[in-house]
Amino acid sequence: MRGCQNLEASPDVVKGILTVQSYDVYALIDPGSTLSYVTPYVAMGFGIEPEQLYEPFSVSTLVVESILAARVYRDCVVTFRGRNTAANLIELRMVDFDMIMGMDWLYSCFAKLDC
């Protein structure tokens, strides 16, 4: 993942509101991120119990050196332009966004990236 200051100036990302599990969340759609993430404070309202990851891993950012990712919320309903999709959201403590949607979600939506 990239630092927030770099994200603000980047034409490669999109910021906005997505609906997840019927909640509006402030999201970053970042094709530079392989996976999708959600802050635990938002995920508490989803009504989904997180699963422990079999192998927790570290996520490096420019803001914080590294954060341990150990839990995932599976099959969260993400509504975009009136269509429902599903996403597995890795729990990650962050303050700038409620969630970050990465390439795993974009790929599942058959998104096309024009470079």
C-alpha atoms as a PDB file:
ATOM      1  CA  MET A   1       0.000   0.000   0.000  1.00  0.00           C
ATOM      2  CA  ARG A   2       1.043   3.573  -0.485  1.00  0.00           C
ATOM      3  CA  GLY A   3       1.143   6.480   1.950  1.00  0.00           C
ATOM      4  CA  CYS A   4      -1.873   8.770   2.185  1.00  0.00           C
ATOM      5  CA  GLN A   5      -0.058  11.872   0.922  1.00  0.00           C
ATOM      6  CA  ASN A   6       1.024  10.018  -2.218  1.00  0.00           C
ATOM      7  CA  LEU A   7      -2.523   8.742  -2.695  1.00  0.00           C
ATOM      8  CA  GLU A   8      -4.015  12.239  -2.661  1.00  0.00           C
ATOM      9  CA  ALA A   9      -1.891  13.236  -5.645  1.00  0.00           C
ATOM     10  CA  SER A  10      -2.133   9.947  -7.521  1.00  0.00           C
ATOM     11  CA  PRO A  11      -4.345   9.691 -10.611  1.00  0.00           C
ATOM     12  CA  ASP A  12      -4.321   5.893 -10.170  1.00  0.00           C
ATOM     13  CA  VAL A  13      -6.760   5.764  -7.259  1.00  0.00           C
ATOM     14  CA  VAL A  14     -10.401   6.663  -6.697  1.00  0.00           C
ATOM     15  CA  LYS A  15     -11.837   7.882  -3.391  1.00  0.00           C
ATOM     16  CA  GLY A  16     -15.522   7.873  -2.567  1.00  0.00           C
ATOM     17  CA  ILE A  17     -18.416   6.251  -0.783  1.00  0.00           C
ATOM     18  CA  LEU A  18     -19.229   2.559  -1.252  1.00  0.00           C
ATOM     19  CA  THR A  19     -22.014   0.621   0.423  1.00  0.00           C
ATOM     20  CA  VAL A  20     -20.844  -2.459   2.311  1.00  0.00           C
ATOM     21  CA  GLN A  21     -23.287  -4.661   4.228  1.00  0.00           C
ATOM     22  CA  SER A  22     -25.809  -1.769   3.928  1.00  0.00           C
ATOM     23  CA  TYR A  23     -23.377   0.763   5.473  1.00  0.00           C
ATOM     24  CA  ASP A  24     -21.917   3.700   3.573  1.00  0.00           C
ATOM     25  CA  VAL A  25     -18.143   3.736   4.012  1.00  0.00           C
ATOM     26  CA  TYR A  26     -15.359   6.057   2.870  1.00  0.00           C
ATOM     27  CA  ALA A  27     -13.348   3.902   0.493  1.00  0.00           C
ATOM     28  CA  LEU A  28     -10.201   4.054  -1.546  1.00  0.00           C
ATOM     29  CA  ILE A  29     -10.101   1.966  -4.724  1.00  0.00           C
ATOM     30  CA  ASP A  30      -6.410   1.307  -5.252  1.00  0.00           C
ATOM     31  CA  PRO A  31      -5.176  -0.937  -8.084  1.00  0.00           C
ATOM     32  CA  GLY A  32      -1.742  -0.750  -6.413  1.00  0.00           C
ATOM     33  CA  SER A  33      -3.065  -2.856  -3.548  1.00  0.00           C
ATOM     34  CA  THR A  34      -3.278  -6.606  -4.106  1.00  0.00           C
ATOM     35  CA  LEU A  35      -5.893  -7.223  -1.386  1.00  0.00           C
ATOM     36  CA  SER A  36      -8.855  -5.362   0.111  1.00  0.00           C
ATOM     37  CA  TYR A  37      -8.927  -4.072   3.692  1.00  0.00           C
ATOM     38  CA  VAL A  38     -11.422  -2.726   6.231  1.00  0.00           C
ATOM     39  CA  THR A  39     -10.893  -1.008   9.549  1.00  0.00           C
ATOM     40  CA  PRO A  40     -12.223  -3.025  12.509  1.00  0.00           C
ATOM     41  CA  TYR A  41     -14.272  -0.047  13.750  1.00  0.00           C
ATOM     42  CA  VAL A  42     -16.409  -0.125  10.603  1.00  0.00           C
ATOM     43  CA  ALA A  43     -16.489  -3.924  10.332  1.00  0.00           C
ATOM     44  CA  MET A  44     -18.054  -4.237  13.796  1.00  0.00           C
ATOM     45  CA  GLY A  45     -21.352  -3.092  12.282  1.00  0.00           C
ATOM     46  CA  PHE A  46     -21.337  -5.637   9.436  1.00  0.00           C
ATOM     47  CA  GLY A  47     -22.877  -8.469  11.451  1.00  0.00           C
ATOM     48  CA  ILE A  48     -20.199 -10.875  10.213  1.00  0.00           C
ATOM     49  CA  GLU A  49     -17.809 -12.732  12.489  1.00  0.00           C
ATOM     50  CA  PRO A  50     -14.223 -12.443  11.250  1.00  0.00           C
ATOM     51  CA  GLU A  51     -12.142 -15.543  10.630  1.00  0.00           C
ATOM     52  CA  GLN A  52      -8.589 -15.903  11.841  1.00  0.00           C
ATOM     53  CA  LEU A  53      -6.193 -16.124   8.917  1.00  0.00           C
ATOM     54  CA  TYR A  54      -4.301 -19.403   8.765  1.00  0.00           C
ATOM     55  CA  GLU A  55      -1.100 -17.426   8.212  1.00  0.00           C
ATOM     56  CA  PRO A  56      -1.185 -13.815   9.444  1.00  0.00           C
ATOM     57  CA  PHE A  57       1.000 -11.440   7.431  1.00  0.00           C
ATOM     58  CA  SER A  58       2.501  -7.960   7.701  1.00  0.00           C
ATOM     59  CA  VAL A  59       1.212  -5.079   5.612  1.00  0.00           C
ATOM     60  CA  SER A  60       3.736  -2.313   4.977  1.00  0.00           C
ATOM     61  CA  THR A  61       2.678   1.283   4.478  1.00  0.00           C
ATOM     62  CA  LEU A  62       4.476   4.596   4.225  1.00  0.00           C
ATOM     63  CA  VAL A  63       2.481   5.889   7.201  1.00  0.00           C
ATOM     64  CA  VAL A  64       3.262   3.020   9.582  1.00  0.00           C
ATOM     65  CA  GLU A  65       6.214   0.668   9.223  1.00  0.00           C
ATOM     66  CA  SER A  66       4.108  -2.510   9.236  1.00  0.00           C
ATOM     67  CA  ILE A  67       0.792  -3.760  10.588  1.00  0.00           C
ATOM     68  CA  LEU A  68      -0.078  -7.392  11.317  1.00  0.00           C
ATOM     69  CA  ALA A  69      -3.132  -8.625   9.403  1.00  0.00           C
ATOM     70  CA  ALA A  70      -4.655 -11.622  11.153  1.00  0.00           C
ATOM     71  CA  ARG A  71      -8.426 -11.612  10.480  1.00  0.00           C
ATOM     72  CA  VAL A  72     -10.706 -11.556   7.431  1.00  0.00           C
ATOM     73  CA  TYR A  73     -14.390 -10.779   6.900  1.00  0.00           C
ATOM     74  CA  ARG A  74     -15.529 -13.133   4.152  1.00  0.00           C
ATOM     75  CA  ASP A  75     -18.170 -12.523   1.484  1.00  0.00           C
ATOM     76  CA  CYS A  76     -19.075  -8.949   2.451  1.00  0.00           C
ATOM     77  CA  VAL A  77     -21.698  -7.509   0.117  1.00  0.00           C
ATOM     78  CA  VAL A  78     -20.301  -4.440  -1.659  1.00  0.00           C
ATOM     79  CA  THR A  79     -22.789  -2.414  -3.695  1.00  0.00           C
ATOM     80  CA  PHE A  80     -21.368  -0.362  -6.545  1.00  0.00           C
ATOM     81  CA  ARG A  81     -23.549   1.393  -9.115  1.00  0.00           C
ATOM     82  CA  GLY A  82     -26.569  -0.623  -8.002  1.00  0.00           C
ATOM     83  CA  ARG A  83     -24.844  -4.003  -8.408  1.00  0.00           C
ATOM     84  CA  ASN A  84     -23.925  -6.305  -5.552  1.00  0.00           C
ATOM     85  CA  THR A  85     -20.526  -7.949  -5.464  1.00  0.00           C
ATOM     86  CA  ALA A  86     -18.768  -9.936  -2.758  1.00  0.00           C
ATOM     87  CA  ALA A  87     -15.434  -9.123  -1.178  1.00  0.00           C
ATOM     88  CA  ASN A  88     -13.161 -10.671   1.397  1.00  0.00           C
ATOM     89  CA  LEU A  89     -11.964  -7.793   3.572  1.00  0.00           C
ATOM     90  CA  ILE A  90      -8.790  -8.134   5.631  1.00  0.00           C
ATOM     91  CA  GLU A  91      -8.976  -6.341   8.969  1.00  0.00           C
ATOM     92  CA  LEU A  92      -6.422  -3.529   9.110  1.00  0.00           C
ATOM     93  CA  ARG A  93      -6.177  -0.681  11.602  1.00  0.00           C
ATOM     94  CA  MET A  94      -6.113   2.537   9.582  1.00  0.00           C
ATOM     95  CA  VAL A  95      -7.439   6.052  10.089  1.00  0.00           C
ATOM     96  CA  ASP A  96      -7.569   7.706   6.672  1.00  0.00           C
ATOM     97  CA  PHE A  97     -10.138   5.383   5.062  1.00  0.00           C
ATOM     98  CA  ASP A  98     -12.815   2.958   6.231  1.00  0.00           C
ATOM     99  CA  MET A  99     -11.720   0.488   3.586  1.00  0.00           C
ATOM    100  CA  ILE A 100      -9.290  -0.010   0.733  1.00  0.00           C
ATOM    101  CA  MET A 101     -10.462  -2.021  -2.246  1.00  0.00           C
ATOM    102  CA  GLY A 102      -7.626  -3.683  -4.104  1.00  0.00           C
ATOM    103  CA  MET A 103      -7.099  -5.739  -7.218  1.00  0.00           C
ATOM    104  CA  ASP A 104      -8.730  -8.852  -5.746  1.00  0.00           C
ATOM    105  CA  TRP A 105     -12.090  -7.023  -5.716  1.00  0.00           C
ATOM    106  CA  LEU A 106     -11.515  -5.196  -8.998  1.00  0.00           C
ATOM    107  CA  TYR A 107     -10.685  -8.516 -10.698  1.00  0.00           C
ATOM    108  CA  SER A 108     -13.842 -10.145  -9.317  1.00  0.00           C
ATOM    109  CA  CYS A 109     -15.874  -7.251 -10.820  1.00  0.00           C
ATOM    110  CA  PHE A 110     -14.250  -7.750 -14.236  1.00  0.00           C
ATOM    111  CA  ALA A 111     -12.893  -4.208 -14.010  1.00  0.00           C
ATOM    112  CA  LYS A 112     -10.847  -2.901 -16.924  1.00  0.00           C
ATOM    113  CA  LEU A 113      -7.913  -0.643 -16.177  1.00  0.00           C
ATOM    114  CA  ASP A 114      -6.863   1.732 -18.931  1.00  0.00           C
ATOM    115  CA  CYS A 115      -3.187   2.489 -18.353  1.00  0.00           C
END
